[in-house]
Amino acid sequence: MKRIAIVGASGSHWKEGDKEKVKKTIRGLLKKGDILVSGGCPFRGVDIWAEEVASEMRIEQAIFLPKTNNWSGYKARNIRIARECDMLYDIEPKGRVRSGGIWTMNYAKDIGKDVKQIIL
């Protein structure tokens, strides 16, 4: 059993039709017995799509919501996601160089977690 964090860009950064590509990618990352670690982003996108896929696959989920809707709330949530996972995947659209997912990936890497960025 692995705790797999899947983070990435919010919904507004993806083009129409990208949702299904992202969800297909997520399906390939999760396996029965894994636990999805995610952040329930209120702006949709990768977090929510990962949660949808995990629900479809009947995979256990550990969702950490921000306590406040500002950077300090999101930062604390992102730190918790990074600390709670065994492996973290950051899924970003081509050309994206800044997102909460990228910040979380870099933090996870700094604390010694296995990370991988996937550009679609």
PDB file of N, CA and C in Angstrom:
ATOM      1  N   MET A   1       0.844  -1.182   0.000  1.00  0.00           N
ATOM      2  CA  MET A   1       0.000   0.000   0.000  1.00  0.00           C
ATOM      3  C   MET A   1       0.887   1.243   0.000  1.00  0.00           C
ATOM      4  N   LYS A   2       0.660   2.113  -0.989  1.00  0.00           N
ATOM      5  CA  LYS A   2       1.412   3.358  -1.095  1.00  0.00           C
ATOM      6  C   LYS A   2       0.461   4.529  -0.986  1.00  0.00           C
ATOM      7  N   ARG A   3       0.954   5.585  -0.394  1.00  0.00           N
ATOM      8  CA  ARG A   3       0.205   6.838  -0.314  1.00  0.00           C
ATOM      9  C   ARG A   3       0.690   7.713  -1.469  1.00  0.00           C
ATOM     10  N   ILE A   4      -0.146   7.846  -2.477  1.00  0.00           N
ATOM     11  CA  ILE A   4       0.203   8.528  -3.725  1.00  0.00           C
ATOM     12  C   ILE A   4      -0.457   9.910  -3.740  1.00  0.00           C
ATOM     13  N   ALA A   5       0.354  10.957  -3.756  1.00  0.00           N
ATOM     14  CA  ALA A   5      -0.173  12.315  -3.897  1.00  0.00           C
ATOM     15  C   ALA A   5      -0.233  12.659  -5.378  1.00  0.00           C
ATOM     16  N   ILE A   6      -1.362  13.203  -5.788  1.00  0.00           N
ATOM     17  CA  ILE A   6      -1.506  13.690  -7.160  1.00  0.00           C
ATOM     18  C   ILE A   6      -1.979  15.123  -7.066  1.00  0.00           C
ATOM     19  N   VAL A   7      -1.125  16.028  -7.553  1.00  0.00           N
ATOM     20  CA  VAL A   7      -1.390  17.461  -7.497  1.00  0.00           C
ATOM     21  C   VAL A   7      -1.167  18.041  -8.886  1.00  0.00           C
ATOM     22  N   GLY A   8      -1.490  19.305  -9.060  1.00  0.00           N
ATOM     23  CA  GLY A   8      -1.246  19.937 -10.351  1.00  0.00           C
ATOM     24  C   GLY A   8      -2.037  21.207 -10.529  1.00  0.00           C
ATOM     25  N   ALA A   9      -2.068  21.665 -11.764  1.00  0.00           N
ATOM     26  CA  ALA A   9      -2.692  22.940 -12.103  1.00  0.00           C
ATOM     27  C   ALA A   9      -4.205  22.887 -11.905  1.00  0.00           C
ATOM     28  N   SER A  10      -4.752  24.026 -11.514  1.00  0.00           N
ATOM     29  CA  SER A  10      -6.206  24.136 -11.345  1.00  0.00           C
ATOM     30  C   SER A  10      -6.895  24.156 -12.710  1.00  0.00           C
ATOM     31  N   GLY A  11      -8.202  24.034 -12.677  1.00  0.00           N
ATOM     32  CA  GLY A  11      -8.990  23.857 -13.891  1.00  0.00           C
ATOM     33  C   GLY A  11      -8.827  24.931 -14.944  1.00  0.00           C
ATOM     34  N   SER A  12      -8.636  26.178 -14.547  1.00  0.00           N
ATOM     35  CA  SER A  12      -8.569  27.275 -15.518  1.00  0.00           C
ATOM     36  C   SER A  12      -7.330  27.221 -16.412  1.00  0.00           C
ATOM     37  N   HIS A  13      -6.350  26.403 -16.048  1.00  0.00           N
ATOM     38  CA  HIS A  13      -5.107  26.329 -16.824  1.00  0.00           C
ATOM     39  C   HIS A  13      -5.113  25.221 -17.871  1.00  0.00           C
ATOM     40  N   TRP A  14      -6.205  24.479 -17.937  1.00  0.00           N
ATOM     41  CA  TRP A  14      -6.314  23.379 -18.898  1.00  0.00           C
ATOM     42  C   TRP A  14      -7.237  23.767 -20.041  1.00  0.00           C
ATOM     43  N   LYS A  15      -6.958  23.223 -21.222  1.00  0.00           N
ATOM     44  CA  LYS A  15      -7.807  23.469 -22.387  1.00  0.00           C
ATOM     45  C   LYS A  15      -8.987  22.502 -22.376  1.00  0.00           C
ATOM     46  N   GLU A  16      -9.997  22.852 -23.154  1.00  0.00           N
ATOM     47  CA  GLU A  16     -11.144  21.965 -23.297  1.00  0.00           C
ATOM     48  C   GLU A  16     -10.669  20.615 -23.826  1.00  0.00           C
ATOM     49  N   GLY A  17     -11.120  19.558 -23.242  1.00  0.00           N
ATOM     50  CA  GLY A  17     -10.718  18.220 -23.657  1.00  0.00           C
ATOM     51  C   GLY A  17      -9.541  17.661 -22.876  1.00  0.00           C
ATOM     52  N   ASP A  18      -8.812  18.506 -22.144  1.00  0.00           N
ATOM     53  CA  ASP A  18      -7.656  18.026 -21.385  1.00  0.00           C
ATOM     54  C   ASP A  18      -8.062  17.171 -20.187  1.00  0.00           C
ATOM     55  N   LYS A  19      -9.251  17.415 -19.654  1.00  0.00           N
ATOM     56  CA  LYS A  19      -9.688  16.686 -18.462  1.00  0.00           C
ATOM     57  C   LYS A  19      -9.592  15.182 -18.666  1.00  0.00           C
ATOM     58  N   GLU A  20     -10.041  14.682 -19.802  1.00  0.00           N
ATOM     59  CA  GLU A  20     -10.009  13.234 -20.037  1.00  0.00           C
ATOM     60  C   GLU A  20      -8.579  12.714 -20.177  1.00  0.00           C
ATOM     61  N   LYS A  21      -7.680  13.509 -20.789  1.00  0.00           N
ATOM     62  CA  LYS A  21      -6.268  13.103 -20.878  1.00  0.00           C
ATOM     63  C   LYS A  21      -5.661  12.996 -19.483  1.00  0.00           C
ATOM     64  N   VAL A  22      -5.961  13.989 -18.651  1.00  0.00           N
ATOM     65  CA  VAL A  22      -5.433  13.990 -17.288  1.00  0.00           C
ATOM     66  C   VAL A  22      -5.985  12.794 -16.516  1.00  0.00           C
ATOM     67  N   LYS A  23      -7.291  12.557 -16.610  1.00  0.00           N
ATOM     68  CA  LYS A  23      -7.893  11.450 -15.879  1.00  0.00           C
ATOM     69  C   LYS A  23      -7.337  10.098 -16.347  1.00  0.00           C
ATOM     70  N   LYS A  24      -7.079   9.954 -17.635  1.00  0.00           N
ATOM     71  CA  LYS A  24      -6.479   8.717 -18.155  1.00  0.00           C
ATOM     72  C   LYS A  24      -5.083   8.532 -17.554  1.00  0.00           C
ATOM     73  N   THR A  25      -4.322   9.613 -17.481  1.00  0.00           N
ATOM     74  CA  THR A  25      -2.982   9.552 -16.881  1.00  0.00           C
ATOM     75  C   THR A  25      -3.084   9.133 -15.418  1.00  0.00           C
ATOM     76  N   ILE A  26      -4.027   9.715 -14.697  1.00  0.00           N
ATOM     77  CA  ILE A  26      -4.201   9.398 -13.276  1.00  0.00           C
ATOM     78  C   ILE A  26      -4.565   7.928 -13.099  1.00  0.00           C
ATOM     79  N   ARG A  27      -5.422   7.410 -13.968  1.00  0.00           N
ATOM     80  CA  ARG A  27      -5.795   5.989 -13.884  1.00  0.00           C
ATOM     81  C   ARG A  27      -4.562   5.076 -13.976  1.00  0.00           C
ATOM     82  N   GLY A  28      -3.570   5.517 -14.740  1.00  0.00           N
ATOM     83  CA  GLY A  28      -2.344   4.734 -14.866  1.00  0.00           C
ATOM     84  C   GLY A  28      -1.405   4.857 -13.679  1.00  0.00           C
ATOM     85  N   LEU A  29      -1.638   5.841 -12.820  1.00  0.00           N
ATOM     86  CA  LEU A  29      -0.770   6.058 -11.663  1.00  0.00           C
ATOM     87  C   LEU A  29      -1.269   5.351 -10.412  1.00  0.00           C
ATOM     88  N   LEU A  30      -2.574   5.170 -10.300  1.00  0.00           N
ATOM     89  CA  LEU A  30      -3.169   4.583  -9.103  1.00  0.00           C
ATOM     90  C   LEU A  30      -3.406   3.091  -9.284  1.00  0.00           C
ATOM     91  N   LYS A  31      -3.198   2.347  -8.208  1.00  0.00           N
ATOM     92  CA  LYS A  31      -3.435   0.904  -8.210  1.00  0.00           C
ATOM     93  C   LYS A  31      -4.294   0.549  -7.011  1.00  0.00           C
ATOM     94  N   LYS A  32      -5.035  -0.546  -7.138  1.00  0.00           N
ATOM     95  CA  LYS A  32      -5.814  -1.045  -6.002  1.00  0.00           C
ATOM     96  C   LYS A  32      -4.903  -1.171  -4.788  1.00  0.00           C
ATOM     97  N   GLY A  33      -5.386  -0.742  -3.655  1.00  0.00           N
ATOM     98  CA  GLY A  33      -4.595  -0.802  -2.427  1.00  0.00           C
ATOM     99  C   GLY A  33      -3.860   0.490  -2.118  1.00  0.00           C
ATOM    100  N   ASP A  34      -3.699   1.372  -3.118  1.00  0.00           N
ATOM    101  CA  ASP A  34      -3.088   2.681  -2.869  1.00  0.00           C
ATOM    102  C   ASP A  34      -4.058   3.564  -2.096  1.00  0.00           C
ATOM    103  N   ILE A  35      -3.510   4.616  -1.531  1.00  0.00           N
ATOM    104  CA  ILE A  35      -4.315   5.674  -0.928  1.00  0.00           C
ATOM    105  C   ILE A  35      -3.968   6.956  -1.674  1.00  0.00           C
ATOM    106  N   LEU A  36      -4.988   7.617  -2.214  1.00  0.00           N
ATOM    107  CA  LEU A  36      -4.771   8.903  -2.877  1.00  0.00           C
ATOM    108  C   LEU A  36      -4.666   9.985  -1.822  1.00  0.00           C
ATOM    109  N   VAL A  37      -3.611  10.801  -1.915  1.00  0.00           N
ATOM    110  CA  VAL A  37      -3.443  11.976  -1.067  1.00  0.00           C
ATOM    111  C   VAL A  37      -3.635  13.180  -1.973  1.00  0.00           C
ATOM    112  N   SER A  38      -4.581  14.046  -1.620  1.00  0.00           N
ATOM    113  CA  SER A  38      -4.884  15.179  -2.484  1.00  0.00           C
ATOM    114  C   SER A  38      -5.371  16.352  -1.647  1.00  0.00           C
ATOM    115  N   GLY A  39      -5.635  17.477  -2.348  1.00  0.00           N
ATOM    116  CA  GLY A  39      -5.967  18.706  -1.643  1.00  0.00           C
ATOM    117  C   GLY A  39      -7.318  19.299  -1.937  1.00  0.00           C
ATOM    118  N   GLY A  40      -8.166  18.628  -2.688  1.00  0.00           N
ATOM    119  CA  GLY A  40      -9.530  19.108  -2.910  1.00  0.00           C
ATOM    120  C   GLY A  40      -9.611  20.546  -3.392  1.00  0.00           C
ATOM    121  N   CYS A  41      -8.821  20.901  -4.369  1.00  0.00           N
ATOM    122  CA  CYS A  41      -8.765  22.295  -4.840  1.00  0.00           C
ATOM    123  C   CYS A  41     -10.152  22.821  -5.217  1.00  0.00           C
ATOM    124  N   PRO A  42     -10.554  23.962  -4.647  1.00  0.00           N
ATOM    125  CA  PRO A  42     -11.866  24.519  -4.981  1.00  0.00           C
ATOM    126  C   PRO A  42     -11.937  25.069  -6.407  1.00  0.00           C
ATOM    127  N   PHE A  43     -10.807  25.148  -7.080  1.00  0.00           N
ATOM    128  CA  PHE A  43     -10.763  25.664  -8.447  1.00  0.00           C
ATOM    129  C   PHE A  43     -10.722  24.537  -9.465  1.00  0.00           C
ATOM    130  N   ARG A  44     -11.150  23.340  -9.020  1.00  0.00           N
ATOM    131  CA  ARG A  44     -11.220  22.147  -9.855  1.00  0.00           C
ATOM    132  C   ARG A  44      -9.822  21.757 -10.338  1.00  0.00           C
ATOM    133  N   GLY A  45      -9.721  21.114 -11.454  1.00  0.00           N
ATOM    134  CA  GLY A  45      -8.435  20.713 -11.995  1.00  0.00           C
ATOM    135  C   GLY A  45      -7.949  19.385 -11.456  1.00  0.00           C
ATOM    136  N   VAL A  46      -6.639  19.206 -11.419  1.00  0.00           N
ATOM    137  CA  VAL A  46      -6.009  17.917 -11.155  1.00  0.00           C
ATOM    138  C   VAL A  46      -6.468  17.306  -9.831  1.00  0.00           C
ATOM    139  N   ASP A  47      -6.503  18.077  -8.758  1.00  0.00           N
ATOM    140  CA  ASP A  47      -6.912  17.525  -7.460  1.00  0.00           C
ATOM    141  C   ASP A  47      -8.282  16.855  -7.562  1.00  0.00           C
ATOM    142  N   ILE A  48      -9.241  17.567  -8.092  1.00  0.00           N
ATOM    143  CA  ILE A  48     -10.611  17.056  -8.174  1.00  0.00           C
ATOM    144  C   ILE A  48     -10.692  15.877  -9.136  1.00  0.00           C
ATOM    145  N   TRP A  49     -10.001  15.965 -10.269  1.00  0.00           N
ATOM    146  CA  TRP A  49     -10.011  14.868 -11.231  1.00  0.00           C
ATOM    147  C   TRP A  49      -9.401  13.614 -10.623  1.00  0.00           C
ATOM    148  N   ALA A  50      -8.328  13.767  -9.825  1.00  0.00           N
ATOM    149  CA  ALA A  50      -7.722  12.622  -9.146  1.00  0.00           C
ATOM    150  C   ALA A  50      -8.709  12.002  -8.156  1.00  0.00           C
ATOM    151  N   GLU A  51      -9.440  12.840  -7.448  1.00  0.00           N
ATOM    152  CA  GLU A  51     -10.432  12.342  -6.499  1.00  0.00           C
ATOM    153  C   GLU A  51     -11.562  11.610  -7.227  1.00  0.00           C
ATOM    154  N   GLU A  52     -11.971  12.123  -8.373  1.00  0.00           N
ATOM    155  CA  GLU A  52     -13.008  11.452  -9.171  1.00  0.00           C
ATOM    156  C   GLU A  52     -12.537  10.073  -9.627  1.00  0.00           C
ATOM    157  N   VAL A  53     -11.305  10.001 -10.125  1.00  0.00           N
ATOM    158  CA  VAL A  53     -10.755   8.725 -10.583  1.00  0.00           C
ATOM    159  C   VAL A  53     -10.639   7.751  -9.406  1.00  0.00           C
ATOM    160  N   ALA A  54     -10.144   8.228  -8.279  1.00  0.00           N
ATOM    161  CA  ALA A  54     -10.005   7.363  -7.104  1.00  0.00           C
ATOM    162  C   ALA A  54     -11.367   6.818  -6.677  1.00  0.00           C
ATOM    163  N   SER A  55     -12.383   7.655  -6.724  1.00  0.00           N
ATOM    164  CA  SER A  55     -13.733   7.188  -6.378  1.00  0.00           C
ATOM    165  C   SER A  55     -14.210   6.121  -7.351  1.00  0.00           C
ATOM    166  N   GLU A  56     -13.987   6.362  -8.656  1.00  0.00           N
ATOM    167  CA  GLU A  56     -14.374   5.375  -9.680  1.00  0.00           C
ATOM    168  C   GLU A  56     -13.664   4.044  -9.460  1.00  0.00           C
ATOM    169  N   MET A  57     -12.397   4.108  -9.039  1.00  0.00           N
ATOM    170  CA  MET A  57     -11.587   2.904  -8.849  1.00  0.00           C
ATOM    171  C   MET A  57     -11.752   2.320  -7.440  1.00  0.00           C
ATOM    172  N   ARG A  58     -12.554   2.975  -6.629  1.00  0.00           N
ATOM    173  CA  ARG A  58     -12.765   2.565  -5.229  1.00  0.00           C
ATOM    174  C   ARG A  58     -11.448   2.537  -4.445  1.00  0.00           C
ATOM    175  N   ILE A  59     -10.687   3.598  -4.613  1.00  0.00           N
ATOM    176  CA  ILE A  59      -9.412   3.746  -3.919  1.00  0.00           C
ATOM    177  C   ILE A  59      -9.621   4.694  -2.741  1.00  0.00           C
ATOM    178  N   GLU A  60      -9.067   4.308  -1.605  1.00  0.00           N
ATOM    179  CA  GLU A  60      -9.164   5.133  -0.396  1.00  0.00           C
ATOM    180  C   GLU A  60      -8.527   6.503  -0.653  1.00  0.00           C
ATOM    181  N   GLN A  61      -9.080   7.530   0.001  1.00  0.00           N
ATOM    182  CA  GLN A  61      -8.582   8.884  -0.208  1.00  0.00           C
ATOM    183  C   GLN A  61      -8.304   9.593   1.119  1.00  0.00           C
ATOM    184  N   ALA A  62      -7.218  10.335   1.146  1.00  0.00           N
ATOM    185  CA  ALA A  62      -6.893  11.228   2.258  1.00  0.00           C
ATOM    186  C   ALA A  62      -6.849  12.629   1.655  1.00  0.00           C
ATOM    187  N   ILE A  63      -7.905  13.396   1.880  1.00  0.00           N
ATOM    188  CA  ILE A  63      -8.025  14.718   1.265  1.00  0.00           C
ATOM    189  C   ILE A  63      -7.779  15.773   2.335  1.00  0.00           C
ATOM    190  N   PHE A  64      -6.817  16.648   2.076  1.00  0.00           N
ATOM    191  CA  PHE A  64      -6.468  17.711   3.017  1.00  0.00           C
ATOM    192  C   PHE A  64      -6.883  19.051   2.429  1.00  0.00           C
ATOM    193  N   LEU A  65      -7.938  19.615   2.970  1.00  0.00           N
ATOM    194  CA  LEU A  65      -8.452  20.901   2.495  1.00  0.00           C
ATOM    195  C   LEU A  65      -7.727  22.039   3.189  1.00  0.00           C
ATOM    196  N   PRO A  66      -7.568  23.186   2.506  1.00  0.00           N
ATOM    197  CA  PRO A  66      -6.959  24.342   3.174  1.00  0.00           C
ATOM    198  C   PRO A  66      -7.905  24.870   4.252  1.00  0.00           C
ATOM    199  N   LYS A  67      -7.334  25.305   5.375  1.00  0.00           N
ATOM    200  CA  LYS A  67      -8.158  25.852   6.460  1.00  0.00           C
ATOM    201  C   LYS A  67      -8.631  27.267   6.155  1.00  0.00           C
ATOM    202  N   THR A  68      -7.854  27.986   5.327  1.00  0.00           N
ATOM    203  CA  THR A  68      -8.243  29.329   4.897  1.00  0.00           C
ATOM    204  C   THR A  68      -8.022  29.440   3.403  1.00  0.00           C
ATOM    205  N   ASN A  69      -8.747  30.351   2.771  1.00  0.00           N
ATOM    206  CA  ASN A  69      -8.673  30.516   1.322  1.00  0.00           C
ATOM    207  C   ASN A  69      -7.673  31.613   0.953  1.00  0.00           C
ATOM    208  N   ASN A  70      -6.444  31.447   1.432  1.00  0.00           N
ATOM    209  CA  ASN A  70      -5.351  32.354   1.085  1.00  0.00           C
ATOM    210  C   ASN A  70      -4.062  31.538   1.074  1.00  0.00           C
ATOM    211  N   TRP A  71      -2.946  32.169   0.717  1.00  0.00           N
ATOM    212  CA  TRP A  71      -1.712  31.411   0.548  1.00  0.00           C
ATOM    213  C   TRP A  71      -1.311  30.670   1.814  1.00  0.00           C
ATOM    214  N   SER A  72      -1.488  31.252   2.995  1.00  0.00           N
ATOM    215  CA  SER A  72      -1.070  30.543   4.212  1.00  0.00           C
ATOM    216  C   SER A  72      -1.882  29.255   4.388  1.00  0.00           C
ATOM    217  N   GLY A  73      -3.168  29.287   4.063  1.00  0.00           N
ATOM    218  CA  GLY A  73      -3.980  28.080   4.138  1.00  0.00           C
ATOM    219  C   GLY A  73      -3.554  27.045   3.119  1.00  0.00           C
ATOM    220  N   TYR A  74      -3.296  27.491   1.896  1.00  0.00           N
ATOM    221  CA  TYR A  74      -2.872  26.568   0.841  1.00  0.00           C
ATOM    222  C   TYR A  74      -1.471  26.029   1.107  1.00  0.00           C
ATOM    223  N   LYS A  75      -0.588  26.884   1.607  1.00  0.00           N
ATOM    224  CA  LYS A  75       0.781  26.443   1.903  1.00  0.00           C
ATOM    225  C   LYS A  75       0.776  25.346   2.970  1.00  0.00           C
ATOM    226  N   ALA A  76       0.035  25.554   4.050  1.00  0.00           N
ATOM    227  CA  ALA A  76      -0.040  24.544   5.115  1.00  0.00           C
ATOM    228  C   ALA A  76      -0.615  23.236   4.574  1.00  0.00           C
ATOM    229  N   ARG A  77      -1.655  23.333   3.742  1.00  0.00           N
ATOM    230  CA  ARG A  77      -2.246  22.138   3.135  1.00  0.00           C
ATOM    231  C   ARG A  77      -1.223  21.435   2.247  1.00  0.00           C
ATOM    232  N   ASN A  78      -0.501  22.192   1.418  1.00  0.00           N
ATOM    233  CA  ASN A  78       0.477  21.607   0.499  1.00  0.00           C
ATOM    234  C   ASN A  78       1.614  20.916   1.251  1.00  0.00           C
ATOM    235  N   ILE A  79       2.042  21.510   2.350  1.00  0.00           N
ATOM    236  CA  ILE A  79       3.078  20.891   3.182  1.00  0.00           C
ATOM    237  C   ILE A  79       2.565  19.558   3.729  1.00  0.00           C
ATOM    238  N   ARG A  80       1.334  19.546   4.183  1.00  0.00           N
ATOM    239  CA  ARG A  80       0.759  18.304   4.717  1.00  0.00           C
ATOM    240  C   ARG A  80       0.665  17.226   3.646  1.00  0.00           C
ATOM    241  N   ILE A  81       0.246  17.602   2.444  1.00  0.00           N
ATOM    242  CA  ILE A  81       0.184  16.640   1.337  1.00  0.00           C
ATOM    243  C   ILE A  81       1.570  16.035   1.102  1.00  0.00           C
ATOM    244  N   ALA A  82       2.586  16.887   1.025  1.00  0.00           N
ATOM    245  CA  ALA A  82       3.950  16.416   0.770  1.00  0.00           C
ATOM    246  C   ALA A  82       4.439  15.492   1.884  1.00  0.00           C
ATOM    247  N   ARG A  83       4.159  15.833   3.108  1.00  0.00           N
ATOM    248  CA  ARG A  83       4.623  15.015   4.233  1.00  0.00           C
ATOM    249  C   ARG A  83       3.887  13.685   4.338  1.00  0.00           C
ATOM    250  N   GLU A  84       2.636  13.658   3.947  1.00  0.00           N
ATOM    251  CA  GLU A  84       1.794  12.465   4.114  1.00  0.00           C
ATOM    252  C   GLU A  84       1.954  11.426   3.009  1.00  0.00           C
ATOM    253  N   CYS A  85       2.607  11.777   1.911  1.00  0.00           N
ATOM    254  CA  CYS A  85       2.688  10.846   0.782  1.00  0.00           C
ATOM    255  C   CYS A  85       4.000  10.074   0.765  1.00  0.00           C
ATOM    256  N   ASP A  86       3.967   8.948   0.037  1.00  0.00           N
ATOM    257  CA  ASP A  86       5.190   8.200  -0.254  1.00  0.00           C
ATOM    258  C   ASP A  86       5.761   8.617  -1.612  1.00  0.00           C
ATOM    259  N   MET A  87       4.862   8.960  -2.524  1.00  0.00           N
ATOM    260  CA  MET A  87       5.216   9.359  -3.896  1.00  0.00           C
ATOM    261  C   MET A  87       4.300  10.499  -4.291  1.00  0.00           C
ATOM    262  N   LEU A  88       4.845  11.494  -4.989  1.00  0.00           N
ATOM    263  CA  LEU A  88       4.033  12.625  -5.422  1.00  0.00           C
ATOM    264  C   LEU A  88       4.185  12.828  -6.922  1.00  0.00           C
ATOM    265  N   TYR A  89       3.044  12.937  -7.597  1.00  0.00           N
ATOM    266  CA  TYR A  89       3.005  13.258  -9.027  1.00  0.00           C
ATOM    267  C   TYR A  89       2.400  14.647  -9.179  1.00  0.00           C
ATOM    268  N   ASP A  90       3.084  15.487  -9.947  1.00  0.00           N
ATOM    269  CA  ASP A  90       2.574  16.813 -10.290  1.00  0.00           C
ATOM    270  C   ASP A  90       2.235  16.799 -11.775  1.00  0.00           C
ATOM    271  N   ILE A  91       0.962  17.023 -12.096  1.00  0.00           N
ATOM    272  CA  ILE A  91       0.512  16.988 -13.487  1.00  0.00           C
ATOM    273  C   ILE A  91       0.205  18.420 -13.928  1.00  0.00           C
ATOM    274  N   GLU A  92       0.904  18.860 -14.968  1.00  0.00           N
ATOM    275  CA  GLU A  92       0.803  20.248 -15.426  1.00  0.00           C
ATOM    276  C   GLU A  92       0.591  20.309 -16.937  1.00  0.00           C
ATOM    277  N   PRO A  93      -0.092  21.359 -17.402  1.00  0.00           N
ATOM    278  CA  PRO A  93      -0.176  21.566 -18.849  1.00  0.00           C
ATOM    279  C   PRO A  93       1.152  22.101 -19.373  1.00  0.00           C
ATOM    280  N   LYS A  94       1.447  21.796 -20.618  1.00  0.00           N
ATOM    281  CA  LYS A  94       2.688  22.269 -21.238  1.00  0.00           C
ATOM    282  C   LYS A  94       2.793  23.783 -21.099  1.00  0.00           C
ATOM    283  N   GLY A  95       3.978  24.247 -20.690  1.00  0.00           N
ATOM    284  CA  GLY A  95       4.243  25.671 -20.579  1.00  0.00           C
ATOM    285  C   GLY A  95       3.979  26.256 -19.197  1.00  0.00           C
ATOM    286  N   ARG A  96       3.372  25.504 -18.318  1.00  0.00           N
ATOM    287  CA  ARG A  96       3.064  26.006 -16.974  1.00  0.00           C
ATOM    288  C   ARG A  96       4.318  25.918 -16.126  1.00  0.00           C
ATOM    289  N   VAL A  97       4.736  27.029 -15.532  1.00  0.00           N
ATOM    290  CA  VAL A  97       5.962  27.038 -14.733  1.00  0.00           C
ATOM    291  C   VAL A  97       5.709  27.402 -13.264  1.00  0.00           C
ATOM    292  N   ARG A  98       4.463  27.739 -12.955  1.00  0.00           N
ATOM    293  CA  ARG A  98       4.163  28.132 -11.578  1.00  0.00           C
ATOM    294  C   ARG A  98       2.749  27.673 -11.219  1.00  0.00           C
ATOM    295  N   SER A  99       2.651  26.903 -10.154  1.00  0.00           N
ATOM    296  CA  SER A  99       1.348  26.471  -9.650  1.00  0.00           C
ATOM    297  C   SER A  99       1.545  25.961  -8.229  1.00  0.00           C
ATOM    298  N   GLY A 100       0.451  25.764  -7.535  1.00  0.00           N
ATOM    299  CA  GLY A 100       0.533  25.155  -6.215  1.00  0.00           C
ATOM    300  C   GLY A 100       1.082  23.742  -6.293  1.00  0.00           C
ATOM    301  N   GLY A 101       0.750  23.045  -7.382  1.00  0.00           N
ATOM    302  CA  GLY A 101       1.272  21.696  -7.575  1.00  0.00           C
ATOM    303  C   GLY A 101       2.784  21.681  -7.710  1.00  0.00           C
ATOM    304  N   ILE A 102       3.318  22.640  -8.470  1.00  0.00           N
ATOM    305  CA  ILE A 102       4.773  22.730  -8.642  1.00  0.00           C
ATOM    306  C   ILE A 102       5.436  23.062  -7.311  1.00  0.00           C
ATOM    307  N   TRP A 103       4.839  23.986  -6.551  1.00  0.00           N
ATOM    308  CA  TRP A 103       5.377  24.339  -5.234  1.00  0.00           C
ATOM    309  C   TRP A 103       5.403  23.092  -4.344  1.00  0.00           C
ATOM    310  N   THR A 104       4.299  22.341  -4.339  1.00  0.00           N
ATOM    311  CA  THR A 104       4.206  21.145  -3.495  1.00  0.00           C
ATOM    312  C   THR A 104       5.218  20.100  -3.924  1.00  0.00           C
ATOM    313  N   MET A 105       5.390  19.915  -5.236  1.00  0.00           N
ATOM    314  CA  MET A 105       6.374  18.970  -5.750  1.00  0.00           C
ATOM    315  C   MET A 105       7.779  19.347  -5.275  1.00  0.00           C
ATOM    316  N   ASN A 106       8.121  20.624  -5.395  1.00  0.00           N
ATOM    317  CA  ASN A 106       9.452  21.068  -4.981  1.00  0.00           C
ATOM    318  C   ASN A 106       9.665  20.887  -3.481  1.00  0.00           C
ATOM    319  N   TYR A 107       8.643  21.167  -2.685  1.00  0.00           N
ATOM    320  CA  TYR A 107       8.741  20.964  -1.241  1.00  0.00           C
ATOM    321  C   TYR A 107       8.934  19.478  -0.935  1.00  0.00           C
ATOM    322  N   ALA A 108       8.134  18.626  -1.585  1.00  0.00           N
ATOM    323  CA  ALA A 108       8.247  17.181  -1.363  1.00  0.00           C
ATOM    324  C   ALA A 108       9.655  16.691  -1.718  1.00  0.00           C
ATOM    325  N   LYS A 109      10.185  17.181  -2.821  1.00  0.00           N
ATOM    326  CA  LYS A 109      11.539  16.806  -3.234  1.00  0.00           C
ATOM    327  C   LYS A 109      12.551  17.239  -2.170  1.00  0.00           C
ATOM    328  N   ASP A 110      12.382  18.452  -1.649  1.00  0.00           N
ATOM    329  CA  ASP A 110      13.299  18.981  -0.633  1.00  0.00           C
ATOM    330  C   ASP A 110      13.295  18.147   0.645  1.00  0.00           C
ATOM    331  N   ILE A 111      12.169  17.517   0.966  1.00  0.00           N
ATOM    332  CA  ILE A 111      12.117  16.703   2.191  1.00  0.00           C
ATOM    333  C   ILE A 111      12.376  15.220   1.904  1.00  0.00           C
ATOM    334  N   GLY A 112      12.834  14.914   0.701  1.00  0.00           N
ATOM    335  CA  GLY A 112      13.290  13.565   0.385  1.00  0.00           C
ATOM    336  C   GLY A 112      12.246  12.610  -0.160  1.00  0.00           C
ATOM    337  N   LYS A 113      11.105  13.136  -0.607  1.00  0.00           N
ATOM    338  CA  LYS A 113      10.073  12.264  -1.174  1.00  0.00           C
ATOM    339  C   LYS A 113      10.378  11.972  -2.634  1.00  0.00           C
ATOM    340  N   ASP A 114       9.869  10.846  -3.130  1.00  0.00           N
ATOM    341  CA  ASP A 114       9.954  10.541  -4.553  1.00  0.00           C
ATOM    342  C   ASP A 114       8.927  11.409  -5.269  1.00  0.00           C
ATOM    343  N   VAL A 115       9.361  12.093  -6.304  1.00  0.00           N
ATOM    344  CA  VAL A 115       8.458  12.972  -7.055  1.00  0.00           C
ATOM    345  C   VAL A 115       8.663  12.775  -8.545  1.00  0.00           C
ATOM    346  N   LYS A 116       7.604  13.050  -9.285  1.00  0.00           N
ATOM    347  CA  LYS A 116       7.706  13.036 -10.740  1.00  0.00           C
ATOM    348  C   LYS A 116       6.725  14.070 -11.286  1.00  0.00           C
ATOM    349  N   GLN A 117       7.202  14.865 -12.216  1.00  0.00           N
ATOM    350  CA  GLN A 117       6.323  15.817 -12.889  1.00  0.00           C
ATOM    351  C   GLN A 117       5.924  15.241 -14.242  1.00  0.00           C
ATOM    352  N   ILE A 118       4.645  15.364 -14.552  1.00  0.00           N
ATOM    353  CA  ILE A 118       4.095  14.886 -15.822  1.00  0.00           C
ATOM    354  C   ILE A 118       3.532  16.096 -16.548  1.00  0.00           C
ATOM    355  N   ILE A 119       4.047  16.350 -17.750  1.00  0.00           N
ATOM    356  CA  ILE A 119       3.585  17.478 -18.563  1.00  0.00           C
ATOM    357  C   ILE A 119       2.700  16.917 -19.666  1.00  0.00           C
ATOM    358  N   LEU A 120       1.481  17.434 -19.772  1.00  0.00           N
ATOM    359  CA  LEU A 120       0.553  16.986 -20.815  1.00  0.00           C
ATOM    360  C   LEU A 120       0.220  18.128 -21.761  1.00  0.00           C
TER     361      LEU A 120
END
